[in-house]
Amino acid sequence: LLHGAPNMDTLVALGSSVSFLWSLGV
């Protein structure tokens, strides 16, 4: 993602990270 070429792992990482960060905020 930082190299400007997101891959399938980016989708997994974003989905999981957003879930975790949202839950951490809650």
PDB file of all heavy atoms in Angstrom:
ATOM      1  N   LEU A   1       0.838  -1.200   0.000  1.00  0.00           N
ATOM      2  CA  LEU A   1       0.000   0.000   0.000  1.00  0.00           C
ATOM      3  C   LEU A   1       0.872   1.250   0.000  1.00  0.00           C
ATOM      4  O   LEU A   1       0.595   2.221  -0.728  1.00  0.00           O
ATOM      5  CB  LEU A   1      -0.918  -0.004   1.226  1.00  0.00           C
ATOM      6  CG  LEU A   1      -1.956   1.135   1.310  1.00  0.00           C
ATOM      7  CD1 LEU A   1      -2.924   1.068   0.147  1.00  0.00           C
ATOM      8  CD2 LEU A   1      -2.714   1.056   2.633  1.00  0.00           C
ATOM      9  N   LEU A   2       1.965   1.230   0.771  1.00  0.00           N
ATOM     10  CA  LEU A   2       2.887   2.366   0.818  1.00  0.00           C
ATOM     11  C   LEU A   2       3.619   2.545  -0.508  1.00  0.00           C
ATOM     12  O   LEU A   2       4.013   3.658  -0.859  1.00  0.00           O
ATOM     13  CB  LEU A   2       3.909   2.169   1.951  1.00  0.00           C
ATOM     14  CG  LEU A   2       3.343   2.252   3.383  1.00  0.00           C
ATOM     15  CD1 LEU A   2       4.409   1.898   4.403  1.00  0.00           C
ATOM     16  CD2 LEU A   2       2.784   3.651   3.650  1.00  0.00           C
ATOM     17  N   HIS A   3       3.805   1.438  -1.245  1.00  0.00           N
ATOM     18  CA  HIS A   3       4.447   1.516  -2.560  1.00  0.00           C
ATOM     19  C   HIS A   3       3.456   1.896  -3.660  1.00  0.00           C
ATOM     20  O   HIS A   3       3.813   1.925  -4.840  1.00  0.00           O
ATOM     21  CB  HIS A   3       5.117   0.177  -2.911  1.00  0.00           C
ATOM     22  CG  HIS A   3       6.454  -0.019  -2.279  1.00  0.00           C
ATOM     23  ND1 HIS A   3       6.606  -0.586  -1.028  1.00  0.00           N
ATOM     24  CD2 HIS A   3       7.716   0.300  -2.696  1.00  0.00           C
ATOM     25  CE1 HIS A   3       7.896  -0.636  -0.715  1.00  0.00           C
ATOM     26  NE2 HIS A   3       8.584  -0.108  -1.699  1.00  0.00           N
ATOM     27  N   GLY A   4       2.217   2.137  -3.268  1.00  0.00           N
ATOM     28  CA  GLY A   4       1.210   2.531  -4.250  1.00  0.00           C
ATOM     29  C   GLY A   4       0.701   1.397  -5.103  1.00  0.00           C
ATOM     30  O   GLY A   4       0.162   1.631  -6.189  1.00  0.00           O
ATOM     31  N   ALA A   5       0.891   0.159  -4.638  1.00  0.00           N
ATOM     32  CA  ALA A   5       0.428  -1.005  -5.401  1.00  0.00           C
ATOM     33  C   ALA A   5      -0.244  -1.989  -4.462  1.00  0.00           C
ATOM     34  O   ALA A   5       0.286  -3.077  -4.204  1.00  0.00           O
ATOM     35  CB  ALA A   5       1.593  -1.665  -6.129  1.00  0.00           C
ATOM     36  N   PRO A   6      -1.408  -1.645  -3.901  1.00  0.00           N
ATOM     37  CA  PRO A   6      -2.075  -2.540  -2.949  1.00  0.00           C
ATOM     38  C   PRO A   6      -2.399  -3.890  -3.567  1.00  0.00           C
ATOM     39  O   PRO A   6      -2.737  -3.977  -4.752  1.00  0.00           O
ATOM     40  CB  PRO A   6      -3.352  -1.771  -2.579  1.00  0.00           C
ATOM     41  CG  PRO A   6      -3.581  -0.830  -3.716  1.00  0.00           C
ATOM     42  CD  PRO A   6      -2.216  -0.456  -4.210  1.00  0.00           C
ATOM     43  N   ASN A   7      -2.296  -4.953  -2.741  1.00  0.00           N
ATOM     44  CA  ASN A   7      -2.607  -6.291  -3.228  1.00  0.00           C
ATOM     45  C   ASN A   7      -3.736  -6.898  -2.396  1.00  0.00           C
ATOM     46  O   ASN A   7      -4.372  -6.214  -1.594  1.00  0.00           O
ATOM     47  CB  ASN A   7      -1.356  -7.181  -3.191  1.00  0.00           C
ATOM     48  CG  ASN A   7      -0.782  -7.302  -1.791  1.00  0.00           C
ATOM     49  OD1 ASN A   7      -1.401  -6.902  -0.802  1.00  0.00           O
ATOM     50  ND2 ASN A   7       0.404  -7.871  -1.688  1.00  0.00           N
ATOM     51  N   MET A   8      -3.979  -8.184  -2.614  1.00  0.00           N
ATOM     52  CA  MET A   8      -5.071  -8.846  -1.892  1.00  0.00           C
ATOM     53  C   MET A   8      -4.830  -8.823  -0.382  1.00  0.00           C
ATOM     54  O   MET A   8      -5.768  -8.738   0.406  1.00  0.00           O
ATOM     55  CB  MET A   8      -5.223 -10.295  -2.371  1.00  0.00           C
ATOM     56  CG  MET A   8      -5.484 -10.450  -3.856  1.00  0.00           C
ATOM     57  SD  MET A   8      -7.036  -9.725  -4.403  1.00  0.00           S
ATOM     58  CE  MET A   8      -6.973 -10.083  -6.150  1.00  0.00           C
ATOM     59  N   ASP A   9      -3.557  -8.911   0.014  1.00  0.00           N
ATOM     60  CA  ASP A   9      -3.243  -8.854   1.444  1.00  0.00           C
ATOM     61  C   ASP A   9      -3.632  -7.506   2.038  1.00  0.00           C
ATOM     62  O   ASP A   9      -3.936  -7.406   3.234  1.00  0.00           O
ATOM     63  CB  ASP A   9      -1.745  -9.093   1.660  1.00  0.00           C
ATOM     64  CG  ASP A   9      -1.346 -10.543   1.447  1.00  0.00           C
ATOM     65  OD1 ASP A   9      -2.266 -11.375   1.306  1.00  0.00           O
ATOM     66  OD2 ASP A   9      -0.146 -10.846   1.416  1.00  0.00           O
ATOM     67  N   THR A  10      -3.615  -6.466   1.203  1.00  0.00           N
ATOM     68  CA  THR A  10      -4.015  -5.139   1.679  1.00  0.00           C
ATOM     69  C   THR A  10      -5.472  -5.148   2.123  1.00  0.00           C
ATOM     70  O   THR A  10      -5.834  -4.534   3.133  1.00  0.00           O
ATOM     71  CB  THR A  10      -3.799  -4.094   0.571  1.00  0.00           C
ATOM     72  OG1 THR A  10      -2.460  -4.153   0.107  1.00  0.00           O
ATOM     73  CG2 THR A  10      -4.089  -2.686   1.093  1.00  0.00           C
ATOM     74  N   LEU A  11      -6.311  -5.843   1.364  1.00  0.00           N
ATOM     75  CA  LEU A  11      -7.732  -5.934   1.731  1.00  0.00           C
ATOM     76  C   LEU A  11      -7.889  -6.633   3.079  1.00  0.00           C
ATOM     77  O   LEU A  11      -8.668  -6.202   3.939  1.00  0.00           O
ATOM     78  CB  LEU A  11      -8.508  -6.702   0.660  1.00  0.00           C
ATOM     79  CG  LEU A  11      -8.509  -6.122  -0.754  1.00  0.00           C
ATOM     80  CD1 LEU A  11      -9.343  -7.002  -1.676  1.00  0.00           C
ATOM     81  CD2 LEU A  11      -9.037  -4.701  -0.765  1.00  0.00           C
ATOM     82  N   VAL A  12      -7.136  -7.731   3.261  1.00  0.00           N
ATOM     83  CA  VAL A  12      -7.203  -8.478   4.525  1.00  0.00           C
ATOM     84  C   VAL A  12      -6.701  -7.607   5.673  1.00  0.00           C
ATOM     85  O   VAL A  12      -7.327  -7.511   6.738  1.00  0.00           O
ATOM     86  CB  VAL A  12      -6.357  -9.770   4.439  1.00  0.00           C
ATOM     87  CG1 VAL A  12      -6.383 -10.519   5.765  1.00  0.00           C
ATOM     88  CG2 VAL A  12      -6.863 -10.658   3.315  1.00  0.00           C
ATOM     89  N   ALA A  13      -5.547  -6.965   5.466  1.00  0.00           N
ATOM     90  CA  ALA A  13      -4.947  -6.142   6.514  1.00  0.00           C
ATOM     91  C   ALA A  13      -5.848  -4.971   6.884  1.00  0.00           C
ATOM     92  O   ALA A  13      -6.031  -4.663   8.076  1.00  0.00           O
ATOM     93  CB  ALA A  13      -3.577  -5.637   6.052  1.00  0.00           C
ATOM     94  N   LEU A  14      -6.430  -4.318   5.878  1.00  0.00           N
ATOM     95  CA  LEU A  14      -7.306  -3.177   6.161  1.00  0.00           C
ATOM     96  C   LEU A  14      -8.560  -3.620   6.899  1.00  0.00           C
ATOM     97  O   LEU A  14      -8.963  -2.998   7.891  1.00  0.00           O
ATOM     98  CB  LEU A  14      -7.684  -2.475   4.855  1.00  0.00           C
ATOM     99  CG  LEU A  14      -6.608  -1.587   4.214  1.00  0.00           C
ATOM    100  CD1 LEU A  14      -7.096  -1.059   2.880  1.00  0.00           C
ATOM    101  CD2 LEU A  14      -6.248  -0.431   5.143  1.00  0.00           C
ATOM    102  N   GLY A  15      -9.197  -4.688   6.426  1.00  0.00           N
ATOM    103  CA  GLY A  15     -10.427  -5.166   7.065  1.00  0.00           C
ATOM    104  C   GLY A  15     -10.197  -5.542   8.519  1.00  0.00           C
ATOM    105  O   GLY A  15     -10.966  -5.149   9.407  1.00  0.00           O
ATOM    106  N   SER A  16      -9.114  -6.284   8.771  1.00  0.00           N
ATOM    107  CA  SER A  16      -8.822  -6.718  10.137  1.00  0.00           C
ATOM    108  C   SER A  16      -8.400  -5.543  11.017  1.00  0.00           C
ATOM    109  O   SER A  16      -8.851  -5.411  12.164  1.00  0.00           O
ATOM    110  CB  SER A  16      -7.711  -7.777  10.104  1.00  0.00           C
ATOM    111  OG  SER A  16      -7.352  -8.179  11.399  1.00  0.00           O
ATOM    112  N   SER A  17      -7.552  -4.676  10.472  1.00  0.00           N
ATOM    113  CA  SER A  17      -7.041  -3.547  11.264  1.00  0.00           C
ATOM    114  C   SER A  17      -8.143  -2.558  11.626  1.00  0.00           C
ATOM    115  O   SER A  17      -8.194  -2.059  12.763  1.00  0.00           O
ATOM    116  CB  SER A  17      -5.926  -2.827  10.495  1.00  0.00           C
ATOM    117  OG  SER A  17      -4.842  -3.693  10.252  1.00  0.00           O
ATOM    118  N   VAL A  18      -9.016  -2.274  10.660  1.00  0.00           N
ATOM    119  CA  VAL A  18     -10.115  -1.351  10.943  1.00  0.00           C
ATOM    120  C   VAL A  18     -11.026  -1.938  12.027  1.00  0.00           C
ATOM    121  O   VAL A  18     -11.467  -1.227  12.936  1.00  0.00           O
ATOM    122  CB  VAL A  18     -10.915  -1.041   9.655  1.00  0.00           C
ATOM    123  CG1 VAL A  18     -12.203  -0.298   9.982  1.00  0.00           C
ATOM    124  CG2 VAL A  18     -10.065  -0.225   8.691  1.00  0.00           C
ATOM    125  N   SER A  19     -11.285  -3.248  11.947  1.00  0.00           N
ATOM    126  CA  SER A  19     -12.109  -3.899  12.974  1.00  0.00           C
ATOM    127  C   SER A  19     -11.449  -3.772  14.348  1.00  0.00           C
ATOM    128  O   SER A  19     -12.120  -3.454  15.341  1.00  0.00           O
ATOM    129  CB  SER A  19     -12.296  -5.389  12.642  1.00  0.00           C
ATOM    130  OG  SER A  19     -12.958  -5.560  11.422  1.00  0.00           O
ATOM    131  N   PHE A  20     -10.150  -3.999  14.389  1.00  0.00           N
ATOM    132  CA  PHE A  20      -9.438  -3.954  15.675  1.00  0.00           C
ATOM    133  C   PHE A  20      -9.387  -2.526  16.218  1.00  0.00           C
ATOM    134  O   PHE A  20      -9.661  -2.299  17.411  1.00  0.00           O
ATOM    135  CB  PHE A  20      -8.015  -4.492  15.502  1.00  0.00           C
ATOM    136  CG  PHE A  20      -7.230  -4.512  16.778  1.00  0.00           C
ATOM    137  CD1 PHE A  20      -7.356  -5.566  17.668  1.00  0.00           C
ATOM    138  CD2 PHE A  20      -6.379  -3.460  17.110  1.00  0.00           C
ATOM    139  CE1 PHE A  20      -6.645  -5.583  18.864  1.00  0.00           C
ATOM    140  CE2 PHE A  20      -5.676  -3.464  18.300  1.00  0.00           C
ATOM    141  CZ  PHE A  20      -5.805  -4.529  19.173  1.00  0.00           C
ATOM    142  N   LEU A  21      -9.040  -1.568  15.365  1.00  0.00           N
ATOM    143  CA  LEU A  21      -8.915  -0.180  15.828  1.00  0.00           C
ATOM    144  C   LEU A  21     -10.270   0.374  16.277  1.00  0.00           C
ATOM    145  O   LEU A  21     -10.350   1.116  17.261  1.00  0.00           O
ATOM    146  CB  LEU A  21      -8.319   0.683  14.707  1.00  0.00           C
ATOM    147  CG  LEU A  21      -6.847   0.383  14.368  1.00  0.00           C
ATOM    148  CD1 LEU A  21      -6.408   1.186  13.164  1.00  0.00           C
ATOM    149  CD2 LEU A  21      -5.947   0.658  15.570  1.00  0.00           C
ATOM    150  N   TRP A  22     -11.333   0.028  15.549  1.00  0.00           N
ATOM    151  CA  TRP A  22     -12.674   0.457  15.970  1.00  0.00           C
ATOM    152  C   TRP A  22     -13.008  -0.129  17.351  1.00  0.00           C
ATOM    153  O   TRP A  22     -13.464   0.588  18.248  1.00  0.00           O
ATOM    154  CB  TRP A  22     -13.718   0.036  14.946  1.00  0.00           C
ATOM    155  CG  TRP A  22     -15.125   0.251  15.425  1.00  0.00           C
ATOM    156  CD1 TRP A  22     -15.944  -0.641  16.028  1.00  0.00           C
ATOM    157  CD2 TRP A  22     -15.848   1.481  15.375  1.00  0.00           C
ATOM    158  NE1 TRP A  22     -17.146  -0.075  16.353  1.00  0.00           N
ATOM    159  CE2 TRP A  22     -17.118   1.241  15.966  1.00  0.00           C
ATOM    160  CE3 TRP A  22     -15.565   2.752  14.881  1.00  0.00           C
ATOM    161  CZ2 TRP A  22     -18.096   2.230  16.074  1.00  0.00           C
ATOM    162  CZ3 TRP A  22     -16.542   3.735  14.980  1.00  0.00           C
ATOM    163  CH2 TRP A  22     -17.792   3.481  15.578  1.00  0.00           C
ATOM    164  N   SER A  23     -12.745  -1.419  17.506  1.00  0.00           N
ATOM    165  CA  SER A  23     -13.032  -2.078  18.789  1.00  0.00           C
ATOM    166  C   SER A  23     -12.171  -1.496  19.906  1.00  0.00           C
ATOM    167  O   SER A  23     -12.635  -1.352  21.052  1.00  0.00           O
ATOM    168  CB  SER A  23     -12.778  -3.584  18.674  1.00  0.00           C
ATOM    169  OG  SER A  23     -13.579  -4.145  17.652  1.00  0.00           O
ATOM    170  N   LEU A  24     -10.926  -1.163  19.596  1.00  0.00           N
ATOM    171  CA  LEU A  24     -10.046  -0.555  20.595  1.00  0.00           C
ATOM    172  C   LEU A  24     -10.609   0.795  21.059  1.00  0.00           C
ATOM    173  O   LEU A  24     -10.599   1.121  22.255  1.00  0.00           O
ATOM    174  CB  LEU A  24      -8.641  -0.380  20.011  1.00  0.00           C
ATOM    175  CG  LEU A  24      -7.557   0.143  20.967  1.00  0.00           C
ATOM    176  CD1 LEU A  24      -7.341  -0.840  22.110  1.00  0.00           C
ATOM    177  CD2 LEU A  24      -6.246   0.375  20.201  1.00  0.00           C
ATOM    178  N   GLY A  25     -11.114   1.576  20.072  1.00  0.00           N
ATOM    179  CA  GLY A  25     -11.727   2.853  20.422  1.00  0.00           C
ATOM    180  C   GLY A  25     -12.951   2.671  21.307  1.00  0.00           C
ATOM    181  O   GLY A  25     -13.149   3.411  22.286  1.00  0.00           O
ATOM    182  N   VAL A  26     -13.783   1.662  20.987  1.00  0.00           N
ATOM    183  CA  VAL A  26     -14.969   1.380  21.802  1.00  0.00           C
ATOM    184  C   VAL A  26     -14.538   0.937  23.206  1.00  0.00           C
ATOM    185  O   VAL A  26     -15.163   1.318  24.213  1.00  0.00           O
ATOM    186  CB  VAL A  26     -15.832   0.290  21.129  1.00  0.00           C
ATOM    187  CG1 VAL A  26     -16.961  -0.164  22.056  1.00  0.00           C
ATOM    188  CG2 VAL A  26     -16.398   0.809  19.816  1.00  0.00           C
TER     189      VAL A  26
END
